[in-house]
Amino acid sequence: MNKHAMHATHPLTSVSAQTATETIYKVAEVARTLKCATHVMEKLVHIDSGANEHLTLLHWLVLVRLSSAPTCKQMELKSDTKIAAAYLTRLLDDLTRDGLVRRHRSSSDRRQIILALTAHGKSAALELLASLSDVTQPSQLKAIEHLGASLEQFVSLAIGEGWFGNAVDRP
């Protein structure tokens, strides 16, 4: 076999492999940028609101969602926030330990867990909302919405094209 024939069959030299390599670098860069953007938003809110530094955007999502009604079933919160059940339980453990959320079983159906913000939790949610209003500009919100729509489209296309087979369900 000559060296050209061997070179042509090497997977890293094909055009599709080159495209795949470029794709993984781009995807990794997007993931790093999203992580950085999340970190920046968390820091801005921590500084502006004085919120606990260990609270993440998902903690805040839970707090803000719970602030919209006096009580909420944990299953409704899971559905509304699209947070996986096991991870939501950990977030609620954190928020309960910090005195921001109260949990109790429903008296009519012991399988249901009812959630409510404490007075401290209501105050924290209001501070978070106010600080986000202070630190975000309309142009930033529009960019975030555009990015979210683009990422949703990417995920839908990937799932629709069967990239994952049956191994991955849409979150």
C-alpha atoms as a PDB file:
ATOM      1  CA  MET A   1       0.000   0.000   0.000  1.00  0.00           C
ATOM      2  CA  ASN A   2       1.426   3.395  -0.918  1.00  0.00           C
ATOM      3  CA  LYS A   3       1.539   6.248   1.551  1.00  0.00           C
ATOM      4  CA  HIS A   4      -1.189   8.205  -0.321  1.00  0.00           C
ATOM      5  CA  ALA A   5      -3.628   5.314  -0.078  1.00  0.00           C
ATOM      6  CA  MET A   6      -2.883   4.894   3.624  1.00  0.00           C
ATOM      7  CA  HIS A   7      -3.221   8.652   4.186  1.00  0.00           C
ATOM      8  CA  ALA A   8      -6.607   8.759   2.406  1.00  0.00           C
ATOM      9  CA  THR A   9      -8.091   6.075   4.634  1.00  0.00           C
ATOM     10  CA  HIS A  10      -7.022   7.675   7.916  1.00  0.00           C
ATOM     11  CA  PRO A  11     -10.196   9.014   9.572  1.00  0.00           C
ATOM     12  CA  LEU A  12      -8.696  12.334  10.647  1.00  0.00           C
ATOM     13  CA  THR A  13      -7.772  13.270   7.101  1.00  0.00           C
ATOM     14  CA  SER A  14     -11.262  13.012   5.619  1.00  0.00           C
ATOM     15  CA  VAL A  15     -13.339  16.119   5.039  1.00  0.00           C
ATOM     16  CA  SER A  16     -16.135  14.842   7.312  1.00  0.00           C
ATOM     17  CA  ALA A  17     -13.666  14.146  10.122  1.00  0.00           C
ATOM     18  CA  GLN A  18     -12.264  17.655   9.737  1.00  0.00           C
ATOM     19  CA  THR A  19     -15.786  19.072   9.934  1.00  0.00           C
ATOM     20  CA  ALA A  20     -16.506  16.916  12.987  1.00  0.00           C
ATOM     21  CA  THR A  21     -13.306  18.132  14.633  1.00  0.00           C
ATOM     22  CA  GLU A  22     -14.223  21.757  13.959  1.00  0.00           C
ATOM     23  CA  THR A  23     -17.725  21.101  15.281  1.00  0.00           C
ATOM     24  CA  ILE A  24     -16.506  19.697  18.593  1.00  0.00           C
ATOM     25  CA  TYR A  25     -14.242  22.708  19.072  1.00  0.00           C
ATOM     26  CA  LYS A  26     -17.145  25.067  18.344  1.00  0.00           C
ATOM     27  CA  VAL A  27     -19.500  23.181  20.660  1.00  0.00           C
ATOM     28  CA  ALA A  28     -16.892  23.206  23.435  1.00  0.00           C
ATOM     29  CA  GLU A  29     -16.407  26.956  22.952  1.00  0.00           C
ATOM     30  CA  VAL A  30     -20.162  27.564  23.155  1.00  0.00           C
ATOM     31  CA  ALA A  31     -20.325  25.480  26.337  1.00  0.00           C
ATOM     32  CA  ARG A  32     -17.445  27.477  27.872  1.00  0.00           C
ATOM     33  CA  THR A  33     -19.087  30.756  26.859  1.00  0.00           C
ATOM     34  CA  LEU A  34     -22.427  29.700  28.365  1.00  0.00           C
ATOM     35  CA  LYS A  35     -20.671  28.697  31.579  1.00  0.00           C
ATOM     36  CA  CYS A  36     -18.860  32.053  31.646  1.00  0.00           C
ATOM     37  CA  ALA A  37     -22.108  33.965  30.974  1.00  0.00           C
ATOM     38  CA  THR A  38     -23.806  32.076  33.806  1.00  0.00           C
ATOM     39  CA  HIS A  39     -20.912  32.881  36.139  1.00  0.00           C
ATOM     40  CA  VAL A  40     -21.024  36.581  35.179  1.00  0.00           C
ATOM     41  CA  MET A  41     -24.792  36.792  35.775  1.00  0.00           C
ATOM     42  CA  GLU A  42     -24.469  35.012  39.119  1.00  0.00           C
ATOM     43  CA  LYS A  43     -21.678  37.372  40.214  1.00  0.00           C
ATOM     44  CA  LEU A  44     -23.633  40.459  39.130  1.00  0.00           C
ATOM     45  CA  VAL A  45     -26.679  39.362  41.086  1.00  0.00           C
ATOM     46  CA  HIS A  46     -24.596  38.381  44.129  1.00  0.00           C
ATOM     47  CA  ILE A  47     -22.937  41.791  44.156  1.00  0.00           C
ATOM     48  CA  ASP A  48     -26.112  43.778  43.493  1.00  0.00           C
ATOM     49  CA  SER A  49     -28.512  41.875  45.750  1.00  0.00           C
ATOM     50  CA  GLY A  50     -26.220  40.507  48.435  1.00  0.00           C
ATOM     51  CA  ALA A  51     -27.634  37.025  47.722  1.00  0.00           C
ATOM     52  CA  ASN A  52     -25.896  33.954  49.092  1.00  0.00           C
ATOM     53  CA  GLU A  53     -22.925  33.205  46.878  1.00  0.00           C
ATOM     54  CA  HIS A  54     -23.665  29.488  46.714  1.00  0.00           C
ATOM     55  CA  LEU A  55     -27.051  30.114  45.075  1.00  0.00           C
ATOM     56  CA  THR A  56     -27.033  29.360  41.364  1.00  0.00           C
ATOM     57  CA  LEU A  57     -29.307  30.462  38.552  1.00  0.00           C
ATOM     58  CA  LEU A  58     -31.347  27.305  39.053  1.00  0.00           C
ATOM     59  CA  HIS A  59     -31.818  28.135  42.751  1.00  0.00           C
ATOM     60  CA  TRP A  60     -33.028  31.551  41.658  1.00  0.00           C
ATOM     61  CA  LEU A  61     -35.335  30.055  39.065  1.00  0.00           C
ATOM     62  CA  VAL A  62     -36.957  27.997  41.826  1.00  0.00           C
ATOM     63  CA  LEU A  63     -37.235  31.023  44.133  1.00  0.00           C
ATOM     64  CA  VAL A  64     -38.744  33.218  41.436  1.00  0.00           C
ATOM     65  CA  ARG A  65     -41.219  30.527  40.370  1.00  0.00           C
ATOM     66  CA  LEU A  66     -42.254  29.933  43.973  1.00  0.00           C
ATOM     67  CA  SER A  67     -42.726  33.690  44.462  1.00  0.00           C
ATOM     68  CA  SER A  68     -45.505  33.704  41.856  1.00  0.00           C
ATOM     69  CA  ALA A  69     -48.005  31.857  44.098  1.00  0.00           C
ATOM     70  CA  PRO A  70     -48.484  31.243  47.827  1.00  0.00           C
ATOM     71  CA  THR A  71     -47.861  27.486  47.412  1.00  0.00           C
ATOM     72  CA  CYS A  72     -46.809  25.102  44.687  1.00  0.00           C
ATOM     73  CA  LYS A  73     -46.718  21.330  44.301  1.00  0.00           C
ATOM     74  CA  GLN A  74     -43.210  19.993  43.736  1.00  0.00           C
ATOM     75  CA  MET A  75     -44.371  18.195  40.564  1.00  0.00           C
ATOM     76  CA  GLU A  76     -45.731  21.484  39.191  1.00  0.00           C
ATOM     77  CA  LEU A  77     -42.413  23.168  39.951  1.00  0.00           C
ATOM     78  CA  LYS A  78     -40.582  20.366  38.145  1.00  0.00           C
ATOM     79  CA  SER A  79     -42.851  20.778  35.131  1.00  0.00           C
ATOM     80  CA  ASP A  80     -42.641  24.589  35.089  1.00  0.00           C
ATOM     81  CA  THR A  81     -38.856  24.785  35.467  1.00  0.00           C
ATOM     82  CA  LYS A  82     -37.940  21.635  33.493  1.00  0.00           C
ATOM     83  CA  ILE A  83     -35.417  20.709  36.192  1.00  0.00           C
ATOM     84  CA  ALA A  84     -34.818  16.964  36.617  1.00  0.00           C
ATOM     85  CA  ALA A  85     -36.559  15.565  39.702  1.00  0.00           C
ATOM     86  CA  ALA A  86     -33.398  14.428  41.516  1.00  0.00           C
ATOM     87  CA  TYR A  87     -31.618  17.739  40.914  1.00  0.00           C
ATOM     88  CA  LEU A  88     -34.711  19.715  41.918  1.00  0.00           C
ATOM     89  CA  THR A  89     -34.761  17.809  45.201  1.00  0.00           C
ATOM     90  CA  ARG A  90     -31.134  18.848  45.849  1.00  0.00           C
ATOM     91  CA  LEU A  91     -31.935  22.478  45.023  1.00  0.00           C
ATOM     92  CA  LEU A  92     -34.904  22.395  47.386  1.00  0.00           C
ATOM     93  CA  ASP A  93     -32.729  20.807  50.094  1.00  0.00           C
ATOM     94  CA  ASP A  94     -30.318  23.751  49.741  1.00  0.00           C
ATOM     95  CA  LEU A  95     -33.097  26.348  49.797  1.00  0.00           C
ATOM     96  CA  THR A  96     -34.786  24.668  52.788  1.00  0.00           C
ATOM     97  CA  ARG A  97     -31.479  24.498  54.682  1.00  0.00           C
ATOM     98  CA  ASP A  98     -30.982  28.236  53.978  1.00  0.00           C
ATOM     99  CA  GLY A  99     -34.437  28.999  55.385  1.00  0.00           C
ATOM    100  CA  LEU A 100     -35.815  30.213  52.035  1.00  0.00           C
ATOM    101  CA  VAL A 101     -38.321  27.425  51.306  1.00  0.00           C
ATOM    102  CA  ARG A 102     -40.714  25.335  53.399  1.00  0.00           C
ATOM    103  CA  ARG A 103     -41.839  21.833  52.377  1.00  0.00           C
ATOM    104  CA  HIS A 104     -44.685  19.742  53.709  1.00  0.00           C
ATOM    105  CA  ARG A 105     -46.789  16.817  52.542  1.00  0.00           C
ATOM    106  CA  SER A 106     -50.277  17.478  51.273  1.00  0.00           C
ATOM    107  CA  SER A 107     -52.963  16.556  53.783  1.00  0.00           C
ATOM    108  CA  SER A 108     -55.203  15.260  50.978  1.00  0.00           C
ATOM    109  CA  ASP A 109     -52.516  13.264  49.132  1.00  0.00           C
ATOM    110  CA  ARG A 110     -49.452  12.288  51.152  1.00  0.00           C
ATOM    111  CA  ARG A 111     -47.504  11.617  47.923  1.00  0.00           C
ATOM    112  CA  GLN A 112     -47.580  15.303  47.012  1.00  0.00           C
ATOM    113  CA  ILE A 113     -45.072  17.756  48.423  1.00  0.00           C
ATOM    114  CA  ILE A 114     -46.272  21.320  48.843  1.00  0.00           C
ATOM    115  CA  LEU A 115     -43.709  24.117  48.663  1.00  0.00           C
ATOM    116  CA  ALA A 116     -43.857  27.695  49.877  1.00  0.00           C
ATOM    117  CA  LEU A 117     -41.383  30.495  50.325  1.00  0.00           C
ATOM    118  CA  THR A 118     -40.609  31.620  53.849  1.00  0.00           C
ATOM    119  CA  ALA A 119     -40.649  35.354  54.605  1.00  0.00           C
ATOM    120  CA  HIS A 120     -36.881  35.295  54.064  1.00  0.00           C
ATOM    121  CA  GLY A 121     -37.413  33.467  50.745  1.00  0.00           C
ATOM    122  CA  LYS A 122     -39.979  36.020  49.557  1.00  0.00           C
ATOM    123  CA  SER A 123     -37.582  38.830  50.398  1.00  0.00           C
ATOM    124  CA  ALA A 124     -34.711  37.079  48.620  1.00  0.00           C
ATOM    125  CA  ALA A 125     -36.843  36.468  45.507  1.00  0.00           C
ATOM    126  CA  LEU A 126     -37.861  40.136  45.379  1.00  0.00           C
ATOM    127  CA  GLU A 127     -34.234  41.244  45.811  1.00  0.00           C
ATOM    128  CA  LEU A 128     -33.135  38.882  43.030  1.00  0.00           C
ATOM    129  CA  LEU A 129     -35.789  40.185  40.646  1.00  0.00           C
ATOM    130  CA  ALA A 130     -34.924  43.794  41.450  1.00  0.00           C
ATOM    131  CA  SER A 131     -31.201  43.185  41.011  1.00  0.00           C
ATOM    132  CA  LEU A 132     -31.737  41.465  37.665  1.00  0.00           C
ATOM    133  CA  SER A 133     -33.770  44.448  36.533  1.00  0.00           C
ATOM    134  CA  ASP A 134     -30.916  46.714  37.599  1.00  0.00           C
ATOM    135  CA  VAL A 135     -28.090  44.789  35.915  1.00  0.00           C
ATOM    136  CA  THR A 136     -29.688  43.719  32.630  1.00  0.00           C
ATOM    137  CA  GLN A 137     -30.398  45.947  29.685  1.00  0.00           C
ATOM    138  CA  PRO A 138     -33.096  45.323  27.058  1.00  0.00           C
ATOM    139  CA  SER A 139     -30.401  44.564  24.464  1.00  0.00           C
ATOM    140  CA  GLN A 140     -28.941  41.896  26.753  1.00  0.00           C
ATOM    141  CA  LEU A 141     -32.343  40.290  27.267  1.00  0.00           C
ATOM    142  CA  LYS A 142     -32.940  40.258  23.506  1.00  0.00           C
ATOM    143  CA  ALA A 143     -29.541  38.592  22.970  1.00  0.00           C
ATOM    144  CA  ILE A 144     -30.355  35.983  25.642  1.00  0.00           C
ATOM    145  CA  GLU A 145     -33.734  35.281  24.004  1.00  0.00           C
ATOM    146  CA  HIS A 146     -32.076  34.925  20.585  1.00  0.00           C
ATOM    147  CA  LEU A 147     -29.430  32.584  21.990  1.00  0.00           C
ATOM    148  CA  GLY A 148     -32.071  30.500  23.748  1.00  0.00           C
ATOM    149  CA  ALA A 149     -34.109  30.172  20.543  1.00  0.00           C
ATOM    150  CA  SER A 150     -30.982  29.190  18.588  1.00  0.00           C
ATOM    151  CA  LEU A 151     -30.016  26.556  21.153  1.00  0.00           C
ATOM    152  CA  GLU A 152     -33.574  25.186  21.216  1.00  0.00           C
ATOM    153  CA  GLN A 153     -33.469  24.912  17.422  1.00  0.00           C
ATOM    154  CA  PHE A 154     -30.115  23.104  17.588  1.00  0.00           C
ATOM    155  CA  VAL A 155     -31.409  20.598  20.147  1.00  0.00           C
ATOM    156  CA  SER A 156     -34.628  20.011  18.181  1.00  0.00           C
ATOM    157  CA  LEU A 157     -32.680  19.401  14.971  1.00  0.00           C
ATOM    158  CA  ALA A 158     -30.238  17.056  16.701  1.00  0.00           C
ATOM    159  CA  ILE A 159     -33.030  15.021  18.254  1.00  0.00           C
ATOM    160  CA  GLY A 160     -35.129  15.097  15.076  1.00  0.00           C
ATOM    161  CA  GLU A 161     -32.208  13.834  13.014  1.00  0.00           C
ATOM    162  CA  GLY A 162     -31.697  10.954  15.433  1.00  0.00           C
ATOM    163  CA  TRP A 163     -28.225  11.932  16.632  1.00  0.00           C
ATOM    164  CA  PHE A 164     -28.845  10.230  19.946  1.00  0.00           C
ATOM    165  CA  GLY A 165     -31.032   7.306  18.924  1.00  0.00           C
ATOM    166  CA  ASN A 166     -33.200   6.393  21.885  1.00  0.00           C
ATOM    167  CA  ALA A 167     -30.470   7.186  24.405  1.00  0.00           C
ATOM    168  CA  VAL A 168     -31.394  10.837  25.012  1.00  0.00           C
ATOM    169  CA  ASP A 169     -34.815  12.332  25.524  1.00  0.00           C
ATOM    170  CA  ARG A 170     -35.479  16.005  25.105  1.00  0.00           C
ATOM    171  CA  PRO A 171     -35.068  17.659  28.520  1.00  0.00           C
END
